[in-house]
């Protein structure tokens, strides 16, 4: 894991799920953080359920948090295992 990947993972795992009060790290929601190109990170996560009503919000929160990390130019966030994953992924990762 690169230094940037570790920094991003550390920050996004601090996000708190409002339903449980637990962090994404405590709930193991972040599957992976990969630096695809210098400054471009791809983050994969799994929501708390396939019908999680705030999975879109989670994706936006992850993206916003990752973009605050020094060295991140772009963050791509992908939800997996959600009933609306295709739509969420397309919307969250539109060209900025």
PDB file of N, CA and C in Angstrom:
ATOM      1  N   UNK A   1       0.863  -1.183   0.000  1.00  0.00           N
ATOM      2  CA  UNK A   1       0.000   0.000   0.000  1.00  0.00           C
ATOM      3  C   UNK A   1       0.903   1.237   0.000  1.00  0.00           C
ATOM      4  N   UNK A   2       0.627   2.147  -0.937  1.00  0.00           N
ATOM      5  CA  UNK A   2       1.429   3.371  -1.010  1.00  0.00           C
ATOM      6  C   UNK A   2       1.085   4.285   0.166  1.00  0.00           C
ATOM      7  N   UNK A   3       1.934   5.275   0.371  1.00  0.00           N
ATOM      8  CA  UNK A   3       1.714   6.234   1.444  1.00  0.00           C
ATOM      9  C   UNK A   3       0.379   6.965   1.256  1.00  0.00           C
ATOM     10  N   UNK A   4       0.092   7.369   0.017  1.00  0.00           N
ATOM     11  CA  UNK A   4      -1.167   8.071  -0.254  1.00  0.00           C
ATOM     12  C   UNK A   4      -2.366   7.154  -0.006  1.00  0.00           C
ATOM     13  N   UNK A   5      -2.278   5.902  -0.441  1.00  0.00           N
ATOM     14  CA  UNK A   5      -3.364   4.947  -0.205  1.00  0.00           C
ATOM     15  C   UNK A   5      -3.621   4.792   1.290  1.00  0.00           C
ATOM     16  N   UNK A   6      -2.554   4.682   2.071  1.00  0.00           N
ATOM     17  CA  UNK A   6      -2.690   4.515   3.519  1.00  0.00           C
ATOM     18  C   UNK A   6      -3.335   5.742   4.160  1.00  0.00           C
ATOM     19  N   UNK A   7      -2.934   6.932   3.713  1.00  0.00           N
ATOM     20  CA  UNK A   7      -3.507   8.163   4.263  1.00  0.00           C
ATOM     21  C   UNK A   7      -5.000   8.263   3.942  1.00  0.00           C
ATOM     22  N   UNK A   8      -5.369   7.951   2.707  1.00  0.00           N
ATOM     23  CA  UNK A   8      -6.779   8.012   2.306  1.00  0.00           C
ATOM     24  C   UNK A   8      -7.586   6.985   3.094  1.00  0.00           C
ATOM     25  N   UNK A   9      -7.091   5.757   3.169  1.00  0.00           N
ATOM     26  CA  UNK A   9      -7.801   4.695   3.896  1.00  0.00           C
ATOM     27  C   UNK A   9      -8.016   5.106   5.361  1.00  0.00           C
ATOM     28  N   UNK A  10      -6.992   5.656   5.956  1.00  0.00           N
ATOM     29  CA  UNK A  10      -7.075   6.089   7.348  1.00  0.00           C
ATOM     30  C   UNK A  10      -8.162   7.150   7.532  1.00  0.00           C
ATOM     31  N   UNK A  11      -8.231   8.102   6.622  1.00  0.00           N
ATOM     32  CA  UNK A  11      -9.214   9.176   6.747  1.00  0.00           C
ATOM     33  C   UNK A  11     -10.642   8.692   6.479  1.00  0.00           C
ATOM     34  N   UNK A  12     -10.851   7.925   5.413  1.00  0.00           N
ATOM     35  CA  UNK A  12     -12.225   7.499   5.102  1.00  0.00           C
ATOM     36  C   UNK A  12     -12.749   6.501   6.130  1.00  0.00           C
ATOM     37  N   UNK A  13     -11.861   5.779   6.781  1.00  0.00           N
ATOM     38  CA  UNK A  13     -12.311   4.845   7.819  1.00  0.00           C
ATOM     39  C   UNK A  13     -12.765   5.560   9.084  1.00  0.00           C
ATOM     40  N   UNK A  14     -12.523   6.862   9.177  1.00  0.00           N
ATOM     41  CA  UNK A  14     -12.965   7.655  10.331  1.00  0.00           C
ATOM     42  C   UNK A  14     -14.411   8.129  10.185  1.00  0.00           C
ATOM     43  N   UNK A  15     -14.979   8.030   8.970  1.00  0.00           N
ATOM     44  CA  UNK A  15     -16.357   8.472   8.750  1.00  0.00           C
ATOM     45  C   UNK A  15     -17.287   7.637   9.631  1.00  0.00           C
ATOM     46  N   UNK A  16     -18.254   8.300  10.231  1.00  0.00           N
ATOM     47  CA  UNK A  16     -19.164   7.620  11.164  1.00  0.00           C
ATOM     48  C   UNK A  16     -20.512   7.346  10.506  1.00  0.00           C
ATOM     49  N   UNK A  17     -20.990   6.117  10.655  1.00  0.00           N
ATOM     50  CA  UNK A  17     -22.314   5.719  10.193  1.00  0.00           C
ATOM     51  C   UNK A  17     -23.324   6.272  11.195  1.00  0.00           C
ATOM     52  N   UNK A  18     -24.214   7.169  10.756  1.00  0.00           N
ATOM     53  CA  UNK A  18     -25.166   7.773  11.699  1.00  0.00           C
ATOM     54  C   UNK A  18     -26.151   6.781  12.308  1.00  0.00           C
ATOM     55  N   UNK A  19     -26.378   5.665  11.642  1.00  0.00           N
ATOM     56  CA  UNK A  19     -27.323   4.663  12.165  1.00  0.00           C
ATOM     57  C   UNK A  19     -26.745   3.902  13.360  1.00  0.00           C
ATOM     58  N   UNK A  20     -25.446   3.583  13.298  1.00  0.00           N
ATOM     59  CA  UNK A  20     -24.837   2.751  14.334  1.00  0.00           C
ATOM     60  C   UNK A  20     -23.920   3.521  15.267  1.00  0.00           C
ATOM     61  N   UNK A  21     -23.417   4.675  14.802  1.00  0.00           N
ATOM     62  CA  UNK A  21     -22.447   5.424  15.599  1.00  0.00           C
ATOM     63  C   UNK A  21     -21.035   4.868  15.477  1.00  0.00           C
ATOM     64  N   UNK A  22     -20.873   3.850  14.642  1.00  0.00           N
ATOM     65  CA  UNK A  22     -19.554   3.237  14.447  1.00  0.00           C
ATOM     66  C   UNK A  22     -18.870   3.847  13.230  1.00  0.00           C
ATOM     67  N   UNK A  23     -17.542   3.767  13.207  1.00  0.00           N
ATOM     68  CA  UNK A  23     -16.813   4.276  12.054  1.00  0.00           C
ATOM     69  C   UNK A  23     -16.828   3.242  10.935  1.00  0.00           C
ATOM     70  N   UNK A  24     -16.549   3.722   9.712  1.00  0.00           N
ATOM     71  CA  UNK A  24     -16.467   2.803   8.569  1.00  0.00           C
ATOM     72  C   UNK A  24     -15.367   1.774   8.813  1.00  0.00           C
ATOM     73  N   UNK A  25     -14.300   2.179   9.477  1.00  0.00           N
ATOM     74  CA  UNK A  25     -13.217   1.248   9.804  1.00  0.00           C
ATOM     75  C   UNK A  25     -13.679   0.154  10.761  1.00  0.00           C
ATOM     76  N   UNK A  26     -14.416   0.531  11.784  1.00  0.00           N
ATOM     77  CA  UNK A  26     -14.921  -0.443  12.751  1.00  0.00           C
ATOM     78  C   UNK A  26     -15.868  -1.435  12.090  1.00  0.00           C
ATOM     79  N   UNK A  27     -16.600  -0.954  11.068  1.00  0.00           N
ATOM     80  CA  UNK A  27     -17.579  -1.810  10.388  1.00  0.00           C
ATOM     81  C   UNK A  27     -16.995  -2.513   9.162  1.00  0.00           C
ATOM     82  N   UNK A  28     -15.731  -2.254   8.853  1.00  0.00           N
ATOM     83  CA  UNK A  28     -15.046  -2.855   7.694  1.00  0.00           C
ATOM     84  C   UNK A  28     -15.796  -2.591   6.382  1.00  0.00           C
ATOM     85  N   UNK A  29     -16.263  -1.351   6.191  1.00  0.00           N
ATOM     86  CA  UNK A  29     -16.998  -1.009   4.978  1.00  0.00           C
ATOM     87  C   UNK A  29     -16.074  -0.699   3.804  1.00  0.00           C
ATOM     88  N   UNK A  30     -14.848  -0.264   4.082  1.00  0.00           N
ATOM     89  CA  UNK A  30     -13.903   0.079   3.017  1.00  0.00           C
ATOM     90  C   UNK A  30     -13.178  -1.190   2.590  1.00  0.00           C
ATOM     91  N   UNK A  31     -13.416  -1.613   1.354  1.00  0.00           N
ATOM     92  CA  UNK A  31     -12.798  -2.841   0.847  1.00  0.00           C
ATOM     93  C   UNK A  31     -11.373  -2.603   0.371  1.00  0.00           C
ATOM     94  N   UNK A  32     -11.174  -1.510  -0.375  1.00  0.00           N
ATOM     95  CA  UNK A  32      -9.828  -1.235  -0.875  1.00  0.00           C
ATOM     96  C   UNK A  32      -9.673   0.228  -1.245  1.00  0.00           C
ATOM     97  N   UNK A  33      -8.420   0.653  -1.233  1.00  0.00           N
ATOM     98  CA  UNK A  33      -8.021   1.984  -1.694  1.00  0.00           C
ATOM     99  C   UNK A  33      -6.811   1.757  -2.580  1.00  0.00           C
ATOM    100  N   UNK A  34      -6.913   2.131  -3.841  1.00  0.00           N
ATOM    101  CA  UNK A  34      -5.827   1.919  -4.804  1.00  0.00           C
ATOM    102  C   UNK A  34      -5.514   3.228  -5.522  1.00  0.00           C
ATOM    103  N   UNK A  35      -4.243   3.542  -5.623  1.00  0.00           N
ATOM    104  CA  UNK A  35      -3.820   4.703  -6.396  1.00  0.00           C
ATOM    105  C   UNK A  35      -3.640   4.238  -7.833  1.00  0.00           C
ATOM    106  N   UNK A  36      -4.556   4.642  -8.712  1.00  0.00           N
ATOM    107  CA  UNK A  36      -4.531   4.182 -10.102  1.00  0.00           C
ATOM    108  C   UNK A  36      -3.494   4.916 -10.930  1.00  0.00           C
ATOM    109  N   UNK A  37      -3.364   6.188 -10.684  1.00  0.00           N
ATOM    110  CA  UNK A  37      -2.368   7.058 -11.305  1.00  0.00           C
ATOM    111  C   UNK A  37      -1.935   8.007 -10.205  1.00  0.00           C
ATOM    112  N   UNK A  38      -0.825   8.709 -10.370  1.00  0.00           N
ATOM    113  CA  UNK A  38      -0.425   9.634  -9.310  1.00  0.00           C
ATOM    114  C   UNK A  38      -1.549  10.630  -8.971  1.00  0.00           C
ATOM    115  N   UNK A  39      -1.989  10.597  -7.725  1.00  0.00           N
ATOM    116  CA  UNK A  39      -3.027  11.511  -7.250  1.00  0.00           C
ATOM    117  C   UNK A  39      -4.454  11.086  -7.520  1.00  0.00           C
ATOM    118  N   UNK A  40      -4.648   9.967  -8.211  1.00  0.00           N
ATOM    119  CA  UNK A  40      -6.004   9.476  -8.503  1.00  0.00           C
ATOM    120  C   UNK A  40      -6.221   8.172  -7.737  1.00  0.00           C
ATOM    121  N   UNK A  41      -7.152   8.206  -6.793  1.00  0.00           N
ATOM    122  CA  UNK A  41      -7.408   7.031  -5.968  1.00  0.00           C
ATOM    123  C   UNK A  41      -8.786   6.449  -6.262  1.00  0.00           C
ATOM    124  N   UNK A  42      -8.860   5.136  -6.217  1.00  0.00           N
ATOM    125  CA  UNK A  42     -10.117   4.406  -6.387  1.00  0.00           C
ATOM    126  C   UNK A  42     -10.430   3.744  -5.051  1.00  0.00           C
ATOM    127  N   UNK A  43     -11.633   4.005  -4.559  1.00  0.00           N
ATOM    128  CA  UNK A  43     -12.046   3.469  -3.264  1.00  0.00           C
ATOM    129  C   UNK A  43     -13.272   2.591  -3.476  1.00  0.00           C
ATOM    130  N   UNK A  44     -13.186   1.356  -3.013  1.00  0.00           N
ATOM    131  CA  UNK A  44     -14.303   0.417  -3.090  1.00  0.00           C
ATOM    132  C   UNK A  44     -14.870   0.233  -1.688  1.00  0.00           C
ATOM    133  N   UNK A  45     -16.208   0.295  -1.582  1.00  0.00           N
ATOM    134  CA  UNK A  45     -16.822   0.068  -0.280  1.00  0.00           C
ATOM    135  C   UNK A  45     -18.109  -0.735  -0.422  1.00  0.00           C
ATOM    136  N   UNK A  46     -18.515  -1.329   0.685  1.00  0.00           N
ATOM    137  CA  UNK A  46     -19.747  -2.109   0.766  1.00  0.00           C
ATOM    138  C   UNK A  46     -20.622  -1.442   1.824  1.00  0.00           C
ATOM    139  N   UNK A  47     -21.847  -1.082   1.480  1.00  0.00           N
ATOM    140  CA  UNK A  47     -22.725  -0.461   2.479  1.00  0.00           C
ATOM    141  C   UNK A  47     -23.200  -1.490   3.508  1.00  0.00           C
ATOM    142  N   UNK A  48     -23.893  -1.012   4.496  1.00  0.00           N
ATOM    143  CA  UNK A  48     -24.338  -1.882   5.584  1.00  0.00           C
ATOM    144  C   UNK A  48     -25.373  -2.911   5.159  1.00  0.00           C
ATOM    145  N   UNK A  49     -26.098  -2.642   4.057  1.00  0.00           N
ATOM    146  CA  UNK A  49     -27.044  -3.619   3.527  1.00  0.00           C
ATOM    147  C   UNK A  49     -27.252  -3.350   2.037  1.00  0.00           C
ATOM    148  N   UNK A  50     -27.783  -4.321   1.283  1.00  0.00           N
ATOM    149  CA  UNK A  50     -28.019  -4.129  -0.151  1.00  0.00           C
ATOM    150  C   UNK A  50     -29.061  -3.039  -0.451  1.00  0.00           C
ATOM    151  N   UNK A  51     -29.830  -2.656   0.551  1.00  0.00           N
ATOM    152  CA  UNK A  51     -30.857  -1.631   0.368  1.00  0.00           C
ATOM    153  C   UNK A  51     -30.607  -0.421   1.265  1.00  0.00           C
ATOM    154  N   UNK A  52     -29.368  -0.237   1.699  1.00  0.00           N
ATOM    155  CA  UNK A  52     -29.000   0.877   2.581  1.00  0.00           C
ATOM    156  C   UNK A  52     -29.519   2.190   1.980  1.00  0.00           C
ATOM    157  N   UNK A  53     -30.396   2.898   2.697  1.00  0.00           N
ATOM    158  CA  UNK A  53     -30.997   4.107   2.131  1.00  0.00           C
ATOM    159  C   UNK A  53     -30.032   5.288   1.996  1.00  0.00           C
ATOM    160  N   UNK A  54     -28.869   5.196   2.640  1.00  0.00           N
ATOM    161  CA  UNK A  54     -27.927   6.315   2.555  1.00  0.00           C
ATOM    162  C   UNK A  54     -26.602   5.921   1.888  1.00  0.00           C
ATOM    163  N   UNK A  55     -26.639   4.889   1.056  1.00  0.00           N
ATOM    164  CA  UNK A  55     -25.421   4.465   0.355  1.00  0.00           C
ATOM    165  C   UNK A  55     -24.885   5.576  -0.546  1.00  0.00           C
ATOM    166  N   UNK A  56     -25.778   6.331  -1.182  1.00  0.00           N
ATOM    167  CA  UNK A  56     -25.345   7.443  -2.033  1.00  0.00           C
ATOM    168  C   UNK A  56     -24.640   8.496  -1.189  1.00  0.00           C
ATOM    169  N   UNK A  57     -25.199   8.815  -0.035  1.00  0.00           N
ATOM    170  CA  UNK A  57     -24.574   9.779   0.882  1.00  0.00           C
ATOM    171  C   UNK A  57     -23.220   9.261   1.334  1.00  0.00           C
ATOM    172  N   UNK A  58     -23.138   7.971   1.654  1.00  0.00           N
ATOM    173  CA  UNK A  58     -21.860   7.387   2.050  1.00  0.00           C
ATOM    174  C   UNK A  58     -20.815   7.590   0.957  1.00  0.00           C
ATOM    175  N   UNK A  59     -21.197   7.315  -0.291  1.00  0.00           N
ATOM    176  CA  UNK A  59     -20.261   7.451  -1.411  1.00  0.00           C
ATOM    177  C   UNK A  59     -19.776   8.895  -1.529  1.00  0.00           C
ATOM    178  N   UNK A  60     -20.697   9.850  -1.396  1.00  0.00           N
ATOM    179  CA  UNK A  60     -20.312  11.263  -1.465  1.00  0.00           C
ATOM    180  C   UNK A  60     -19.423  11.660  -0.290  1.00  0.00           C
ATOM    181  N   UNK A  61     -19.720  11.144   0.894  1.00  0.00           N
ATOM    182  CA  UNK A  61     -18.898  11.434   2.077  1.00  0.00           C
ATOM    183  C   UNK A  61     -17.484  10.879   1.901  1.00  0.00           C
ATOM    184  N   UNK A  62     -17.391   9.664   1.363  1.00  0.00           N
ATOM    185  CA  UNK A  62     -16.081   9.049   1.133  1.00  0.00           C
ATOM    186  C   UNK A  62     -15.294   9.885   0.130  1.00  0.00           C
ATOM    187  N   UNK A  63     -15.947  10.282  -0.951  1.00  0.00           N
ATOM    188  CA  UNK A  63     -15.291  11.085  -1.990  1.00  0.00           C
ATOM    189  C   UNK A  63     -14.790  12.411  -1.412  1.00  0.00           C
ATOM    190  N   UNK A  64     -15.644  13.115  -0.689  1.00  0.00           N
ATOM    191  CA  UNK A  64     -15.265  14.413  -0.112  1.00  0.00           C
ATOM    192  C   UNK A  64     -14.113  14.275   0.876  1.00  0.00           C
ATOM    193  N   UNK A  65     -14.160  13.250   1.686  1.00  0.00           N
ATOM    194  CA  UNK A  65     -13.101  13.021   2.672  1.00  0.00           C
ATOM    195  C   UNK A  65     -11.785  12.697   1.981  1.00  0.00           C
ATOM    196  N   UNK A  66     -11.825  11.838   0.981  1.00  0.00           N
ATOM    197  CA  UNK A  66     -10.604  11.452   0.257  1.00  0.00           C
ATOM    198  C   UNK A  66      -9.975  12.654  -0.433  1.00  0.00           C
ATOM    199  N   UNK A  67     -10.810  13.520  -1.002  1.00  0.00           N
ATOM    200  CA  UNK A  67     -10.288  14.675  -1.734  1.00  0.00           C
ATOM    201  C   UNK A  67      -9.601  15.692  -0.820  1.00  0.00           C
ATOM    202  N   UNK A  68      -9.856  15.623   0.474  1.00  0.00           N
ATOM    203  CA  UNK A  68      -9.211  16.524   1.430  1.00  0.00           C
ATOM    204  C   UNK A  68      -7.789  16.078   1.774  1.00  0.00           C
ATOM    205  N   UNK A  69      -7.444  14.848   1.435  1.00  0.00           N
ATOM    206  CA  UNK A  69      -6.115  14.327   1.750  1.00  0.00           C
ATOM    207  C   UNK A  69      -5.095  14.955   0.794  1.00  0.00           C
ATOM    208  N   UNK A  70      -4.019  15.477   1.363  1.00  0.00           N
ATOM    209  CA  UNK A  70      -2.974  16.104   0.552  1.00  0.00           C
ATOM    210  C   UNK A  70      -2.436  15.113  -0.475  1.00  0.00           C
ATOM    211  N   UNK A  71      -2.380  15.547  -1.720  1.00  0.00           N
ATOM    212  CA  UNK A  71      -1.866  14.694  -2.790  1.00  0.00           C
ATOM    213  C   UNK A  71      -2.944  14.053  -3.637  1.00  0.00           C
ATOM    214  N   UNK A  72      -4.193  14.091  -3.172  1.00  0.00           N
ATOM    215  CA  UNK A  72      -5.296  13.506  -3.944  1.00  0.00           C
ATOM    216  C   UNK A  72      -5.835  14.555  -4.909  1.00  0.00           C
ATOM    217  N   UNK A  73      -5.775  14.242  -6.204  1.00  0.00           N
ATOM    218  CA  UNK A  73      -6.309  15.126  -7.238  1.00  0.00           C
ATOM    219  C   UNK A  73      -7.743  14.740  -7.584  1.00  0.00           C
ATOM    220  N   UNK A  74      -8.006  13.436  -7.545  1.00  0.00           N
ATOM    221  CA  UNK A  74      -9.334  12.925  -7.894  1.00  0.00           C
ATOM    222  C   UNK A  74      -9.594  11.640  -7.109  1.00  0.00           C
ATOM    223  N   UNK A  75     -10.823  11.497  -6.661  1.00  0.00           N
ATOM    224  CA  UNK A  75     -11.227  10.287  -5.941  1.00  0.00           C
ATOM    225  C   UNK A  75     -12.395   9.650  -6.679  1.00  0.00           C
ATOM    226  N   UNK A  76     -12.248   8.391  -6.992  1.00  0.00           N
ATOM    227  CA  UNK A  76     -13.307   7.601  -7.615  1.00  0.00           C
ATOM    228  C   UNK A  76     -13.835   6.641  -6.556  1.00  0.00           C
ATOM    229  N   UNK A  77     -15.139   6.648  -6.345  1.00  0.00           N
ATOM    230  CA  UNK A  77     -15.730   5.832  -5.279  1.00  0.00           C
ATOM    231  C   UNK A  77     -16.737   4.876  -5.887  1.00  0.00           C
ATOM    232  N   UNK A  78     -16.595   3.604  -5.543  1.00  0.00           N
ATOM    233  CA  UNK A  78     -17.486   2.573  -6.078  1.00  0.00           C
ATOM    234  C   UNK A  78     -18.112   1.774  -4.949  1.00  0.00           C
ATOM    235  N   UNK A  79     -19.452   1.732  -4.963  1.00  0.00           N
ATOM    236  CA  UNK A  79     -20.210   0.912  -4.018  1.00  0.00           C
ATOM    237  C   UNK A  79     -20.391  -0.470  -4.647  1.00  0.00           C
ATOM    238  N   UNK A  80     -20.358  -1.500  -3.811  1.00  0.00           N
ATOM    239  CA  UNK A  80     -20.560  -2.879  -4.270  1.00  0.00           C
ATOM    240  C   UNK A  80     -21.608  -3.551  -3.391  1.00  0.00           C
ATOM    241  N   UNK A  81     -22.430  -4.380  -4.009  1.00  0.00           N
ATOM    242  CA  UNK A  81     -23.424  -5.131  -3.244  1.00  0.00           C
ATOM    243  C   UNK A  81     -24.661  -4.347  -2.871  1.00  0.00           C
ATOM    244  N   UNK A  82     -24.919  -3.253  -3.583  1.00  0.00           N
ATOM    245  CA  UNK A  82     -26.115  -2.456  -3.308  1.00  0.00           C
ATOM    246  C   UNK A  82     -27.080  -2.591  -4.487  1.00  0.00           C
ATOM    247  N   UNK A  83     -28.357  -2.547  -4.209  1.00  0.00           N
ATOM    248  CA  UNK A  83     -29.358  -2.724  -5.264  1.00  0.00           C
ATOM    249  C   UNK A  83     -29.288  -1.628  -6.335  1.00  0.00           C
ATOM    250  N   UNK A  84     -28.735  -0.468  -5.996  1.00  0.00           N
ATOM    251  CA  UNK A  84     -28.636   0.639  -6.946  1.00  0.00           C
ATOM    252  C   UNK A  84     -27.184   1.007  -7.245  1.00  0.00           C
ATOM    253  N   UNK A  85     -26.280   0.030  -7.147  1.00  0.00           N
ATOM    254  CA  UNK A  85     -24.861   0.352  -7.262  1.00  0.00           C
ATOM    255  C   UNK A  85     -24.482   0.991  -8.596  1.00  0.00           C
ATOM    256  N   UNK A  86     -25.057   0.530  -9.692  1.00  0.00           N
ATOM    257  CA  UNK A  86     -24.694   1.085 -10.996  1.00  0.00           C
ATOM    258  C   UNK A  86     -25.012   2.583 -11.073  1.00  0.00           C
ATOM    259  N   UNK A  87     -26.206   2.956 -10.673  1.00  0.00           N
ATOM    260  CA  UNK A  87     -26.613   4.358 -10.697  1.00  0.00           C
ATOM    261  C   UNK A  87     -25.801   5.213  -9.737  1.00  0.00           C
ATOM    262  N   UNK A  88     -25.546   4.695  -8.552  1.00  0.00           N
ATOM    263  CA  UNK A  88     -24.755   5.433  -7.564  1.00  0.00           C
ATOM    264  C   UNK A  88     -23.344   5.657  -8.110  1.00  0.00           C
ATOM    265  N   UNK A  89     -22.727   4.605  -8.634  1.00  0.00           N
ATOM    266  CA  UNK A  89     -21.363   4.710  -9.135  1.00  0.00           C
ATOM    267  C   UNK A  89     -21.248   5.694 -10.284  1.00  0.00           C
ATOM    268  N   UNK A  90     -22.211   5.660 -11.212  1.00  0.00           N
ATOM    269  CA  UNK A  90     -22.175   6.596 -12.339  1.00  0.00           C
ATOM    270  C   UNK A  90     -22.322   8.037 -11.880  1.00  0.00           C
ATOM    271  N   UNK A  91     -23.250   8.282 -10.973  1.00  0.00           N
ATOM    272  CA  UNK A  91     -23.511   9.635 -10.503  1.00  0.00           C
ATOM    273  C   UNK A  91     -22.333  10.192  -9.699  1.00  0.00           C
ATOM    274  N   UNK A  92     -21.811   9.401  -8.803  1.00  0.00           N
ATOM    275  CA  UNK A  92     -20.728   9.859  -7.924  1.00  0.00           C
ATOM    276  C   UNK A  92     -19.438  10.109  -8.706  1.00  0.00           C
ATOM    277  N   UNK A  93     -19.218   9.368  -9.785  1.00  0.00           N
ATOM    278  CA  UNK A  93     -17.953   9.461 -10.496  1.00  0.00           C
ATOM    279  C   UNK A  93     -18.031  10.208 -11.830  1.00  0.00           C
ATOM    280  N   UNK A  94     -19.067  11.011 -12.002  1.00  0.00           N
ATOM    281  CA  UNK A  94     -19.146  11.848 -13.213  1.00  0.00           C
ATOM    282  C   UNK A  94     -17.916  12.735 -13.277  1.00  0.00           C
ATOM    283  N   UNK A  95     -17.518  13.115 -14.470  1.00  0.00           N
ATOM    284  CA  UNK A  95     -16.354  13.990 -14.639  1.00  0.00           C
ATOM    285  C   UNK A  95     -16.528  15.263 -13.816  1.00  0.00           C
ATOM    286  N   UNK A  96     -15.473  15.632 -13.173  1.00  0.00           N
ATOM    287  CA  UNK A  96     -15.523  16.798 -12.282  1.00  0.00           C
ATOM    288  C   UNK A  96     -15.143  18.060 -13.008  1.00  0.00           C
TER     289      UNK A  96
END
